[in-house]
Amino acid sequence: MAQFTYSRLSHLLRISVNKPSVLRTGTETKHGPACCLQLIRCQRSVDSKALQERQKQQMARGLPKQKPITGVKQVIVVASGKGGVGKSTTAVNLALGLMANNPSKSVGLLDADVYGPSIPKLMNLRGNPELTDNNLMIPLTNYGVPCMSMGFLVEDVAPIVWRGLMVMSAIEKLLRQVDWGSLDYLVVDMPPGTGDVQLSITQNIPIAGAVIVSTPQDIALLDARRGAEMFKKVNVPVLGLVQNMSVFQCPKCNHQTHIFGSDGARQLADTLGVKLLGDVPLHLNIREMSDRGRPVVVSSPDSPEAEAYRKVASAVVQRLEEVNA
């Protein structure tokens, strides 16, 4: 069976980028003096409000139509306004928590962070995905969760030096050219920020809901709010916030210290009118097991930190039911 490699993907992406653009931007632009005169007459004859409405309609027509991923029932995106808040760790343990809470459910994991893929390390996976007879990539699987990531196509320390169009093409291939089989949930680990990748994913596939991860620290909450507002603007339901690294408990004396502040995410959730999905502590076991590729939900299922992730997974399912209702 053939394998899908980084060099092969790069070749396909360069071909697609060099082709005439397939992005739809509404009506095609016509160049020349006649077009300019027509535009000036239009601006003079139509008042500002009517012109804005027309532009809004044209932009709506130009957006790509959302098309579900074959075999996937619901897509959950896990996002953060900034990096370093534990988003990828949360995404992995959320996926495993969904399965732990209901073993009858099938869950997949997509790493959409092209520049900094973390899923291969966190899920202890490596190697190139094989291809089906239809040239679809077969996800690599561990702990019962099929996973797809750019990290499977590059060396661990190899940088991905791509411009925007190649990144967008890569995201399209990760979304559409993967044989996911039948999934109840696909958890997408989004890159930090509110840029092209976030917009591309939310505009191309129907999203059941977004989970925002933040620490209680004020500087992290500022960006978390931007992330939540972005999803609201593109009509993606915000399922709620996860307050990560909420408290540190000393393993020797059990004294609790709020290193990054107390209840910041809870207060932001109240401000935004969304639910706080749960608190996850700052715990050495989470870091150690993540670095070993053994997430705590499967490596330490009876621990308080694993229970915290399962509670988040339960809250996510409850919010999905509320949104769908």
C-alpha atoms as a PDB file:
ATOM      1  CA  MET A   1       0.000   0.000   0.000  1.00  0.00           C
ATOM      2  CA  ALA A   2       1.321   3.450  -0.951  1.00  0.00           C
ATOM      3  CA  GLN A   3       2.327   6.008   1.681  1.00  0.00           C
ATOM      4  CA  PHE A   4       1.560   9.719   1.736  1.00  0.00           C
ATOM      5  CA  THR A   5       4.745  11.688   2.440  1.00  0.00           C
ATOM      6  CA  TYR A   6       5.665  15.318   3.032  1.00  0.00           C
ATOM      7  CA  SER A   7       7.428  15.603  -0.345  1.00  0.00           C
ATOM      8  CA  ARG A   8       4.402  14.271  -2.160  1.00  0.00           C
ATOM      9  CA  LEU A   9       2.100  16.672  -0.321  1.00  0.00           C
ATOM     10  CA  SER A  10       4.390  19.627  -1.045  1.00  0.00           C
ATOM     11  CA  HIS A  11       4.402  18.735  -4.741  1.00  0.00           C
ATOM     12  CA  LEU A  12       0.600  18.557  -4.854  1.00  0.00           C
ATOM     13  CA  LEU A  13       0.245  21.819  -2.969  1.00  0.00           C
ATOM     14  CA  ARG A  14       2.631  23.681  -5.275  1.00  0.00           C
ATOM     15  CA  ILE A  15       0.656  22.446  -8.274  1.00  0.00           C
ATOM     16  CA  SER A  16      -2.608  23.579  -6.707  1.00  0.00           C
ATOM     17  CA  VAL A  17      -1.179  26.975  -5.732  1.00  0.00           C
ATOM     18  CA  ASN A  18       0.163  27.614  -9.238  1.00  0.00           C
ATOM     19  CA  LYS A  19      -3.183  26.793 -10.800  1.00  0.00           C
ATOM     20  CA  PRO A  20      -5.725  29.583 -11.325  1.00  0.00           C
ATOM     21  CA  SER A  21      -7.364  30.386  -8.014  1.00  0.00           C
ATOM     22  CA  VAL A  22     -10.504  28.460  -7.197  1.00  0.00           C
ATOM     23  CA  LEU A  23     -11.490  30.712  -4.318  1.00  0.00           C
ATOM     24  CA  ARG A  24     -14.859  32.230  -4.938  1.00  0.00           C
ATOM     25  CA  THR A  25     -15.114  35.891  -4.151  1.00  0.00           C
ATOM     26  CA  GLY A  26     -18.623  36.582  -5.385  1.00  0.00           C
ATOM     27  CA  THR A  27     -18.824  38.297  -8.755  1.00  0.00           C
ATOM     28  CA  GLU A  28     -15.656  38.231 -10.848  1.00  0.00           C
ATOM     29  CA  THR A  29     -13.732  41.490 -11.066  1.00  0.00           C
ATOM     30  CA  LYS A  30     -13.481  43.152 -14.454  1.00  0.00           C
ATOM     31  CA  HIS A  31     -10.593  45.506 -15.059  1.00  0.00           C
ATOM     32  CA  GLY A  32     -10.434  48.580 -17.266  1.00  0.00           C
ATOM     33  CA  PRO A  33     -11.745  52.139 -17.587  1.00  0.00           C
ATOM     34  CA  ALA A  34     -15.303  51.041 -18.357  1.00  0.00           C
ATOM     35  CA  CYS A  35     -15.476  49.096 -15.117  1.00  0.00           C
ATOM     36  CA  CYS A  36     -14.195  52.095 -13.137  1.00  0.00           C
ATOM     37  CA  LEU A  37     -16.780  54.429 -14.674  1.00  0.00           C
ATOM     38  CA  GLN A  38     -19.535  51.954 -13.977  1.00  0.00           C
ATOM     39  CA  LEU A  39     -18.425  51.661 -10.359  1.00  0.00           C
ATOM     40  CA  ILE A  40     -18.362  55.453  -9.929  1.00  0.00           C
ATOM     41  CA  ARG A  41     -21.874  55.802 -11.394  1.00  0.00           C
ATOM     42  CA  CYS A  42     -23.102  53.043  -9.126  1.00  0.00           C
ATOM     43  CA  GLN A  43     -21.637  54.725  -6.050  1.00  0.00           C
ATOM     44  CA  ARG A  44     -23.246  58.037  -6.995  1.00  0.00           C
ATOM     45  CA  SER A  45     -26.671  56.588  -7.707  1.00  0.00           C
ATOM     46  CA  VAL A  46     -27.000  54.213  -4.768  1.00  0.00           C
ATOM     47  CA  ASP A  47     -27.032  55.441  -1.220  1.00  0.00           C
ATOM     48  CA  SER A  48     -24.510  54.127   1.287  1.00  0.00           C
ATOM     49  CA  LYS A  49     -26.881  51.796   3.101  1.00  0.00           C
ATOM     50  CA  ALA A  50     -28.055  50.047  -0.053  1.00  0.00           C
ATOM     51  CA  LEU A  51     -24.476  49.668  -1.270  1.00  0.00           C
ATOM     52  CA  GLN A  52     -23.405  48.058   1.973  1.00  0.00           C
ATOM     53  CA  GLU A  53     -26.306  45.624   1.779  1.00  0.00           C
ATOM     54  CA  ARG A  54     -25.357  44.693  -1.752  1.00  0.00           C
ATOM     55  CA  GLN A  55     -21.738  44.108  -0.760  1.00  0.00           C
ATOM     56  CA  LYS A  56     -22.885  41.947   2.118  1.00  0.00           C
ATOM     57  CA  GLN A  57     -24.981  39.806  -0.213  1.00  0.00           C
ATOM     58  CA  GLN A  58     -22.106  39.440  -2.668  1.00  0.00           C
ATOM     59  CA  MET A  59     -19.739  38.352   0.093  1.00  0.00           C
ATOM     60  CA  ALA A  60     -22.269  35.788   1.299  1.00  0.00           C
ATOM     61  CA  ARG A  61     -22.564  34.352  -2.216  1.00  0.00           C
ATOM     62  CA  GLY A  62     -18.786  34.204  -2.486  1.00  0.00           C
ATOM     63  CA  LEU A  63     -18.235  32.140   0.669  1.00  0.00           C
ATOM     64  CA  PRO A  64     -17.624  28.446   0.070  1.00  0.00           C
ATOM     65  CA  LYS A  65     -20.592  26.231   0.815  1.00  0.00           C
ATOM     66  CA  GLN A  66     -20.184  24.120   3.899  1.00  0.00           C
ATOM     67  CA  LYS A  67     -19.886  20.434   3.118  1.00  0.00           C
ATOM     68  CA  PRO A  68     -19.854  17.775   5.846  1.00  0.00           C
ATOM     69  CA  ILE A  69     -16.853  15.487   6.180  1.00  0.00           C
ATOM     70  CA  THR A  70     -17.813  12.058   4.904  1.00  0.00           C
ATOM     71  CA  GLY A  71     -18.667   9.706   7.751  1.00  0.00           C
ATOM     72  CA  VAL A  72     -18.375  12.340  10.509  1.00  0.00           C
ATOM     73  CA  LYS A  73     -21.513  13.202  12.466  1.00  0.00           C
ATOM     74  CA  GLN A  74     -20.299  16.120  14.596  1.00  0.00           C
ATOM     75  CA  VAL A  75     -17.162  18.272  14.523  1.00  0.00           C
ATOM     76  CA  ILE A  76     -15.903  19.859  17.742  1.00  0.00           C
ATOM     77  CA  VAL A  77     -13.129  22.434  17.456  1.00  0.00           C
ATOM     78  CA  VAL A  78     -10.835  23.101  20.417  1.00  0.00           C
ATOM     79  CA  ALA A  79      -9.330  26.569  20.203  1.00  0.00           C
ATOM     80  CA  SER A  80      -7.504  29.246  22.160  1.00  0.00           C
ATOM     81  CA  GLY A  81      -6.645  32.840  21.510  1.00  0.00           C
ATOM     82  CA  LYS A  82      -2.961  32.208  22.250  1.00  0.00           C
ATOM     83  CA  GLY A  83      -0.511  29.339  22.505  1.00  0.00           C
ATOM     84  CA  GLY A  84       0.823  27.771  25.668  1.00  0.00           C
ATOM     85  CA  VAL A  85      -2.471  27.394  27.534  1.00  0.00           C
ATOM     86  CA  GLY A  86      -2.762  23.605  27.124  1.00  0.00           C
ATOM     87  CA  LYS A  87      -5.117  23.523  24.158  1.00  0.00           C
ATOM     88  CA  SER A  88      -3.643  20.435  22.474  1.00  0.00           C
ATOM     89  CA  THR A  89      -3.463  18.491  25.747  1.00  0.00           C
ATOM     90  CA  THR A  90      -7.087  19.401  26.367  1.00  0.00           C
ATOM     91  CA  ALA A  91      -8.106  18.340  22.858  1.00  0.00           C
ATOM     92  CA  VAL A  92      -6.441  14.929  23.243  1.00  0.00           C
ATOM     93  CA  ASN A  93      -7.930  14.239  26.668  1.00  0.00           C
ATOM     94  CA  LEU A  94     -11.317  15.530  25.527  1.00  0.00           C
ATOM     95  CA  ALA A  95     -11.343  13.009  22.669  1.00  0.00           C
ATOM     96  CA  LEU A  96     -10.322  10.201  25.025  1.00  0.00           C
ATOM     97  CA  GLY A  97     -12.806  11.431  27.641  1.00  0.00           C
ATOM     98  CA  LEU A  98     -15.672  11.249  25.153  1.00  0.00           C
ATOM     99  CA  MET A  99     -14.807   7.610  24.517  1.00  0.00           C
ATOM    100  CA  ALA A 100     -14.270   6.833  28.206  1.00  0.00           C
ATOM    101  CA  ASN A 101     -17.694   8.236  29.103  1.00  0.00           C
ATOM    102  CA  ASN A 102     -19.428   6.325  26.328  1.00  0.00           C
ATOM    103  CA  PRO A 103     -17.388   3.479  24.779  1.00  0.00           C
ATOM    104  CA  SER A 104     -20.031   3.018  22.089  1.00  0.00           C
ATOM    105  CA  LYS A 105     -19.062   6.370  20.566  1.00  0.00           C
ATOM    106  CA  SER A 106     -16.306   6.595  17.953  1.00  0.00           C
ATOM    107  CA  VAL A 107     -14.031   9.638  18.142  1.00  0.00           C
ATOM    108  CA  GLY A 108     -11.356  10.949  15.766  1.00  0.00           C
ATOM    109  CA  LEU A 109      -8.683  13.601  16.275  1.00  0.00           C
ATOM    110  CA  LEU A 110      -7.503  16.096  13.639  1.00  0.00           C
ATOM    111  CA  ASP A 111      -4.429  18.247  14.217  1.00  0.00           C
ATOM    112  CA  ALA A 112      -5.084  21.475  12.286  1.00  0.00           C
ATOM    113  CA  ASP A 113      -1.971  23.219  13.608  1.00  0.00           C
ATOM    114  CA  VAL A 114       0.129  22.933  10.453  1.00  0.00           C
ATOM    115  CA  TYR A 115       3.139  24.892  11.756  1.00  0.00           C
ATOM    116  CA  GLY A 116       3.291  23.309  15.208  1.00  0.00           C
ATOM    117  CA  PRO A 117       1.642  19.864  15.219  1.00  0.00           C
ATOM    118  CA  SER A 118       1.460  18.322  18.700  1.00  0.00           C
ATOM    119  CA  ILE A 119      -0.863  15.350  18.275  1.00  0.00           C
ATOM    120  CA  PRO A 120       1.850  12.861  17.140  1.00  0.00           C
ATOM    121  CA  LYS A 121       3.793  13.429  20.374  1.00  0.00           C
ATOM    122  CA  LEU A 122       0.771  13.496  22.651  1.00  0.00           C
ATOM    123  CA  MET A 123      -0.722  10.335  21.105  1.00  0.00           C
ATOM    124  CA  ASN A 124       2.623   8.521  20.732  1.00  0.00           C
ATOM    125  CA  LEU A 125       2.245   8.131  16.964  1.00  0.00           C
ATOM    126  CA  ARG A 126       4.735   8.418  14.128  1.00  0.00           C
ATOM    127  CA  GLY A 127       5.076   7.341  10.507  1.00  0.00           C
ATOM    128  CA  ASN A 128       3.523   8.227   7.168  1.00  0.00           C
ATOM    129  CA  PRO A 129      -0.168   7.491   6.616  1.00  0.00           C
ATOM    130  CA  GLU A 130      -0.934   4.850   4.019  1.00  0.00           C
ATOM    131  CA  LEU A 131      -3.309   5.458   1.120  1.00  0.00           C
ATOM    132  CA  THR A 132      -6.500   3.662   0.196  1.00  0.00           C
ATOM    133  CA  ASP A 133      -7.290   2.594  -3.361  1.00  0.00           C
ATOM    134  CA  ASN A 134      -9.117   5.942  -3.682  1.00  0.00           C
ATOM    135  CA  ASN A 135      -5.958   7.855  -2.638  1.00  0.00           C
ATOM    136  CA  LEU A 136      -7.411   8.794   0.739  1.00  0.00           C
ATOM    137  CA  MET A 137      -5.035   8.958   3.684  1.00  0.00           C
ATOM    138  CA  ILE A 138      -5.629   6.358   6.405  1.00  0.00           C
ATOM    139  CA  PRO A 139      -5.399   7.910   9.895  1.00  0.00           C
ATOM    140  CA  LEU A 140      -2.883   6.536  12.377  1.00  0.00           C
ATOM    141  CA  THR A 141      -4.598   5.100  15.445  1.00  0.00           C
ATOM    142  CA  ASN A 142      -3.701   4.791  19.111  1.00  0.00           C
ATOM    143  CA  TYR A 143      -5.876   4.279  22.201  1.00  0.00           C
ATOM    144  CA  GLY A 144      -8.750   3.604  19.796  1.00  0.00           C
ATOM    145  CA  VAL A 145      -8.647   7.123  18.334  1.00  0.00           C
ATOM    146  CA  PRO A 146      -7.812   7.626  14.631  1.00  0.00           C
ATOM    147  CA  CYS A 147      -5.571  10.685  14.226  1.00  0.00           C
ATOM    148  CA  MET A 148      -4.369  12.830  11.327  1.00  0.00           C
ATOM    149  CA  SER A 149      -1.672  15.485  11.523  1.00  0.00           C
ATOM    150  CA  MET A 150       0.932  17.270   9.428  1.00  0.00           C
ATOM    151  CA  GLY A 151       3.350  15.843  11.972  1.00  0.00           C
ATOM    152  CA  PHE A 152       2.970  12.445  10.308  1.00  0.00           C
ATOM    153  CA  LEU A 153       4.392  13.867   7.078  1.00  0.00           C
ATOM    154  CA  VAL A 154       7.481  15.667   8.394  1.00  0.00           C
ATOM    155  CA  GLU A 155      10.441  14.912  10.639  1.00  0.00           C
ATOM    156  CA  ASP A 156      10.078  15.845  14.311  1.00  0.00           C
ATOM    157  CA  VAL A 157      12.358  18.886  14.045  1.00  0.00           C
ATOM    158  CA  ALA A 158      11.666  19.849  10.417  1.00  0.00           C
ATOM    159  CA  PRO A 159      10.104  23.312  10.061  1.00  0.00           C
ATOM    160  CA  ILE A 160       7.154  23.802   7.719  1.00  0.00           C
ATOM    161  CA  VAL A 161       7.987  26.936   5.750  1.00  0.00           C
ATOM    162  CA  TRP A 162       4.848  27.574   3.725  1.00  0.00           C
ATOM    163  CA  ARG A 163       2.935  30.641   2.690  1.00  0.00           C
ATOM    164  CA  GLY A 164      -0.776  31.042   3.288  1.00  0.00           C
ATOM    165  CA  LEU A 165      -2.094  29.436   0.111  1.00  0.00           C
ATOM    166  CA  MET A 166      -0.130  26.231   0.655  1.00  0.00           C
ATOM    167  CA  VAL A 167      -1.302  26.077   4.268  1.00  0.00           C
ATOM    168  CA  MET A 168      -4.915  26.470   3.177  1.00  0.00           C
ATOM    169  CA  SER A 169      -4.484  23.740   0.571  1.00  0.00           C
ATOM    170  CA  ALA A 170      -2.950  21.466   3.210  1.00  0.00           C
ATOM    171  CA  ILE A 171      -5.901  22.066   5.537  1.00  0.00           C
ATOM    172  CA  GLU A 172      -8.281  21.228   2.693  1.00  0.00           C
ATOM    173  CA  LYS A 173      -6.498  17.931   2.139  1.00  0.00           C
ATOM    174  CA  LEU A 174      -6.516  17.098   5.855  1.00  0.00           C
ATOM    175  CA  LEU A 175     -10.250  17.745   5.903  1.00  0.00           C
ATOM    176  CA  ARG A 176     -11.315  16.081   2.661  1.00  0.00           C
ATOM    177  CA  GLN A 177      -8.710  13.501   1.716  1.00  0.00           C
ATOM    178  CA  VAL A 178      -8.743  11.365   4.858  1.00  0.00           C
ATOM    179  CA  ASP A 179     -10.655   8.118   5.254  1.00  0.00           C
ATOM    180  CA  TRP A 180     -12.172   8.705   8.691  1.00  0.00           C
ATOM    181  CA  GLY A 181     -14.602   5.818   8.464  1.00  0.00           C
ATOM    182  CA  SER A 182     -17.660   6.387  10.663  1.00  0.00           C
ATOM    183  CA  LEU A 183     -17.200   8.845  13.552  1.00  0.00           C
ATOM    184  CA  ASP A 184     -19.639  10.220  16.093  1.00  0.00           C
ATOM    185  CA  TYR A 185     -17.242  13.049  16.955  1.00  0.00           C
ATOM    186  CA  LEU A 186     -14.213  14.559  15.233  1.00  0.00           C
ATOM    187  CA  VAL A 187     -12.212  16.708  17.649  1.00  0.00           C
ATOM    188  CA  VAL A 188     -10.137  19.321  15.829  1.00  0.00           C
ATOM    189  CA  ASP A 189      -7.091  20.776  17.568  1.00  0.00           C
ATOM    190  CA  MET A 190      -7.008  24.277  16.096  1.00  0.00           C
ATOM    191  CA  PRO A 191      -3.900  26.459  15.850  1.00  0.00           C
ATOM    192  CA  PRO A 192      -3.783  29.390  18.276  1.00  0.00           C
ATOM    193  CA  GLY A 193      -5.146  32.726  17.152  1.00  0.00           C
ATOM    194  CA  THR A 194      -7.950  33.861  14.857  1.00  0.00           C
ATOM    195  CA  GLY A 195      -6.433  33.664  11.380  1.00  0.00           C
ATOM    196  CA  ASP A 196      -6.850  32.035   7.987  1.00  0.00           C
ATOM    197  CA  VAL A 197      -6.947  28.435   9.204  1.00  0.00           C
ATOM    198  CA  GLN A 198      -9.745  29.112  11.672  1.00  0.00           C
ATOM    199  CA  LEU A 199     -11.806  30.939   9.057  1.00  0.00           C
ATOM    200  CA  SER A 200     -11.171  28.313   6.395  1.00  0.00           C
ATOM    201  CA  ILE A 201     -12.286  25.442   8.621  1.00  0.00           C
ATOM    202  CA  THR A 202     -15.382  27.202   9.955  1.00  0.00           C
ATOM    203  CA  GLN A 203     -16.459  28.253   6.451  1.00  0.00           C
ATOM    204  CA  ASN A 204     -15.864  24.906   4.748  1.00  0.00           C
ATOM    205  CA  ILE A 205     -17.345  22.367   7.163  1.00  0.00           C
ATOM    206  CA  PRO A 206     -20.297  22.494   9.559  1.00  0.00           C
ATOM    207  CA  ILE A 207     -19.041  22.859  13.130  1.00  0.00           C
ATOM    208  CA  ALA A 208     -21.187  21.483  15.945  1.00  0.00           C
ATOM    209  CA  GLY A 209     -19.473  23.710  18.489  1.00  0.00           C
ATOM    210  CA  ALA A 210     -16.278  25.319  19.732  1.00  0.00           C
ATOM    211  CA  VAL A 211     -14.479  24.748  23.024  1.00  0.00           C
ATOM    212  CA  ILE A 212     -12.265  27.637  24.174  1.00  0.00           C
ATOM    213  CA  VAL A 213      -9.290  26.804  26.402  1.00  0.00           C
ATOM    214  CA  SER A 214      -7.653  29.404  28.617  1.00  0.00           C
ATOM    215  CA  THR A 215      -5.732  29.765  31.833  1.00  0.00           C
ATOM    216  CA  PRO A 216      -7.191  32.112  34.483  1.00  0.00           C
ATOM    217  CA  GLN A 217      -4.477  34.683  33.721  1.00  0.00           C
ATOM    218  CA  ASP A 218      -5.710  38.057  32.466  1.00  0.00           C
ATOM    219  CA  ILE A 219      -3.405  38.144  29.418  1.00  0.00           C
ATOM    220  CA  ALA A 220      -4.647  34.713  28.301  1.00  0.00           C
ATOM    221  CA  LEU A 221      -8.270  35.676  28.879  1.00  0.00           C
ATOM    222  CA  LEU A 222      -7.965  38.675  26.556  1.00  0.00           C
ATOM    223  CA  ASP A 223      -7.083  36.406  23.642  1.00  0.00           C
ATOM    224  CA  ALA A 224      -9.585  33.751  24.709  1.00  0.00           C
ATOM    225  CA  ARG A 225     -12.310  36.360  24.429  1.00  0.00           C
ATOM    226  CA  ARG A 226     -11.163  37.265  20.919  1.00  0.00           C
ATOM    227  CA  GLY A 227     -11.371  33.598  19.980  1.00  0.00           C
ATOM    228  CA  ALA A 228     -14.888  33.264  21.356  1.00  0.00           C
ATOM    229  CA  GLU A 229     -16.032  36.423  19.579  1.00  0.00           C
ATOM    230  CA  MET A 230     -14.588  35.154  16.291  1.00  0.00           C
ATOM    231  CA  PHE A 231     -16.637  31.955  16.472  1.00  0.00           C
ATOM    232  CA  LYS A 232     -19.750  33.961  17.241  1.00  0.00           C
ATOM    233  CA  LYS A 233     -19.143  36.113  14.164  1.00  0.00           C
ATOM    234  CA  VAL A 234     -18.947  33.065  11.893  1.00  0.00           C
ATOM    235  CA  ASN A 235     -22.045  31.529  13.538  1.00  0.00           C
ATOM    236  CA  VAL A 236     -20.259  28.667  15.295  1.00  0.00           C
ATOM    237  CA  PRO A 237     -21.841  27.838  18.674  1.00  0.00           C
ATOM    238  CA  VAL A 238     -19.438  28.387  21.563  1.00  0.00           C
ATOM    239  CA  LEU A 239     -20.015  25.372  23.791  1.00  0.00           C
ATOM    240  CA  GLY A 240     -18.084  26.956  26.620  1.00  0.00           C
ATOM    241  CA  LEU A 241     -14.713  27.618  28.231  1.00  0.00           C
ATOM    242  CA  VAL A 242     -12.256  25.250  29.870  1.00  0.00           C
ATOM    243  CA  GLN A 243     -10.245  26.804  32.686  1.00  0.00           C
ATOM    244  CA  ASN A 244      -6.904  25.035  32.387  1.00  0.00           C
ATOM    245  CA  MET A 245      -4.118  25.107  35.007  1.00  0.00           C
ATOM    246  CA  SER A 246      -6.703  26.441  37.426  1.00  0.00           C
ATOM    247  CA  VAL A 247      -4.928  25.472  40.637  1.00  0.00           C
ATOM    248  CA  PHE A 248      -1.692  23.829  41.777  1.00  0.00           C
ATOM    249  CA  GLN A 249      -1.792  21.488  44.746  1.00  0.00           C
ATOM    250  CA  CYS A 250       1.508  20.756  46.472  1.00  0.00           C
ATOM    251  CA  PRO A 251       2.110  16.988  46.394  1.00  0.00           C
ATOM    252  CA  LYS A 252       3.756  17.100  49.838  1.00  0.00           C
ATOM    253  CA  CYS A 253       1.525  19.328  51.940  1.00  0.00           C
ATOM    254  CA  ASN A 254      -1.588  19.535  49.690  1.00  0.00           C
ATOM    255  CA  HIS A 255      -1.566  23.331  49.896  1.00  0.00           C
ATOM    256  CA  GLN A 256      -3.376  24.853  46.898  1.00  0.00           C
ATOM    257  CA  THR A 257      -1.917  27.803  45.009  1.00  0.00           C
ATOM    258  CA  HIS A 258      -3.633  29.681  42.166  1.00  0.00           C
ATOM    259  CA  ILE A 259      -0.489  30.390  40.167  1.00  0.00           C
ATOM    260  CA  PHE A 260      -2.284  31.963  37.185  1.00  0.00           C
ATOM    261  CA  GLY A 261      -5.075  33.611  39.143  1.00  0.00           C
ATOM    262  CA  SER A 262      -8.450  32.435  40.379  1.00  0.00           C
ATOM    263  CA  ASP A 263     -11.700  31.975  38.427  1.00  0.00           C
ATOM    264  CA  GLY A 264     -10.713  34.239  35.530  1.00  0.00           C
ATOM    265  CA  ALA A 265     -12.224  31.924  32.930  1.00  0.00           C
ATOM    266  CA  ARG A 266     -15.381  31.535  35.007  1.00  0.00           C
ATOM    267  CA  GLN A 267     -15.817  35.292  35.066  1.00  0.00           C
ATOM    268  CA  LEU A 268     -15.174  35.511  31.317  1.00  0.00           C
ATOM    269  CA  ALA A 269     -17.749  32.784  30.688  1.00  0.00           C
ATOM    270  CA  ASP A 270     -20.307  34.800  32.652  1.00  0.00           C
ATOM    271  CA  THR A 271     -19.411  37.916  30.664  1.00  0.00           C
ATOM    272  CA  LEU A 272     -19.793  36.112  27.337  1.00  0.00           C
ATOM    273  CA  GLY A 273     -22.951  34.327  28.411  1.00  0.00           C
ATOM    274  CA  VAL A 274     -21.487  30.856  27.874  1.00  0.00           C
ATOM    275  CA  LYS A 275     -20.879  27.881  30.130  1.00  0.00           C
ATOM    276  CA  LEU A 276     -17.734  27.046  32.060  1.00  0.00           C
ATOM    277  CA  LEU A 277     -17.202  23.447  30.959  1.00  0.00           C
ATOM    278  CA  GLY A 278     -14.803  22.626  33.769  1.00  0.00           C
ATOM    279  CA  ASP A 279     -11.586  23.254  35.644  1.00  0.00           C
ATOM    280  CA  VAL A 280      -8.403  21.297  34.954  1.00  0.00           C
ATOM    281  CA  PRO A 281      -5.647  21.545  37.584  1.00  0.00           C
ATOM    282  CA  LEU A 282      -1.986  22.280  36.993  1.00  0.00           C
ATOM    283  CA  HIS A 283      -0.602  18.841  37.773  1.00  0.00           C
ATOM    284  CA  LEU A 284       2.767  17.204  37.264  1.00  0.00           C
ATOM    285  CA  ASN A 285       1.123  13.960  36.152  1.00  0.00           C
ATOM    286  CA  ILE A 286      -0.579  15.686  33.198  1.00  0.00           C
ATOM    287  CA  ARG A 287       2.728  17.070  31.971  1.00  0.00           C
ATOM    288  CA  GLU A 288       4.706  13.877  32.464  1.00  0.00           C
ATOM    289  CA  MET A 289       2.149  11.600  30.810  1.00  0.00           C
ATOM    290  CA  SER A 290       1.657  14.014  27.928  1.00  0.00           C
ATOM    291  CA  ASP A 291       5.391  14.089  27.239  1.00  0.00           C
ATOM    292  CA  ARG A 292       5.421  10.286  27.189  1.00  0.00           C
ATOM    293  CA  GLY A 293       2.504  10.087  24.786  1.00  0.00           C
ATOM    294  CA  ARG A 294       0.248   8.558  27.428  1.00  0.00           C
ATOM    295  CA  PRO A 295      -2.596  11.016  28.158  1.00  0.00           C
ATOM    296  CA  VAL A 296      -3.877  10.891  31.729  1.00  0.00           C
ATOM    297  CA  VAL A 297      -7.379   9.795  30.747  1.00  0.00           C
ATOM    298  CA  VAL A 298      -5.933   6.446  29.637  1.00  0.00           C
ATOM    299  CA  SER A 299      -2.744   6.224  31.727  1.00  0.00           C
ATOM    300  CA  SER A 300      -4.244   7.378  35.063  1.00  0.00           C
ATOM    301  CA  PRO A 301      -7.995   6.908  34.654  1.00  0.00           C
ATOM    302  CA  ASP A 302      -8.702   6.966  38.407  1.00  0.00           C
ATOM    303  CA  SER A 303      -6.789  10.191  39.069  1.00  0.00           C
ATOM    304  CA  PRO A 304      -8.542  13.500  39.902  1.00  0.00           C
ATOM    305  CA  GLU A 305      -6.998  15.103  36.813  1.00  0.00           C
ATOM    306  CA  ALA A 306      -8.433  12.395  34.526  1.00  0.00           C
ATOM    307  CA  GLU A 307     -11.796  12.856  36.199  1.00  0.00           C
ATOM    308  CA  ALA A 308     -11.566  16.593  35.433  1.00  0.00           C
ATOM    309  CA  TYR A 309     -11.193  15.850  31.714  1.00  0.00           C
ATOM    310  CA  ARG A 310     -14.076  13.379  31.761  1.00  0.00           C
ATOM    311  CA  LYS A 311     -16.264  16.015  33.399  1.00  0.00           C
ATOM    312  CA  VAL A 312     -15.328  18.430  30.607  1.00  0.00           C
ATOM    313  CA  ALA A 313     -16.260  15.767  28.032  1.00  0.00           C
ATOM    314  CA  SER A 314     -19.637  15.232  29.734  1.00  0.00           C
ATOM    315  CA  ALA A 315     -20.303  18.965  29.751  1.00  0.00           C
ATOM    316  CA  VAL A 316     -19.427  19.179  26.041  1.00  0.00           C
ATOM    317  CA  VAL A 317     -21.913  16.422  25.167  1.00  0.00           C
ATOM    318  CA  GLN A 318     -24.597  18.111  27.254  1.00  0.00           C
ATOM    319  CA  ARG A 319     -23.999  21.430  25.491  1.00  0.00           C
ATOM    320  CA  LEU A 320     -24.124  19.734  22.080  1.00  0.00           C
ATOM    321  CA  GLU A 321     -27.513  18.292  22.968  1.00  0.00           C
ATOM    322  CA  GLU A 322     -28.725  21.732  24.032  1.00  0.00           C
ATOM    323  CA  VAL A 323     -27.447  23.356  20.831  1.00  0.00           C
ATOM    324  CA  ASN A 324     -28.968  20.672  18.609  1.00  0.00           C
ATOM    325  CA  ALA A 325     -32.274  20.929  20.443  1.00  0.00           C
END
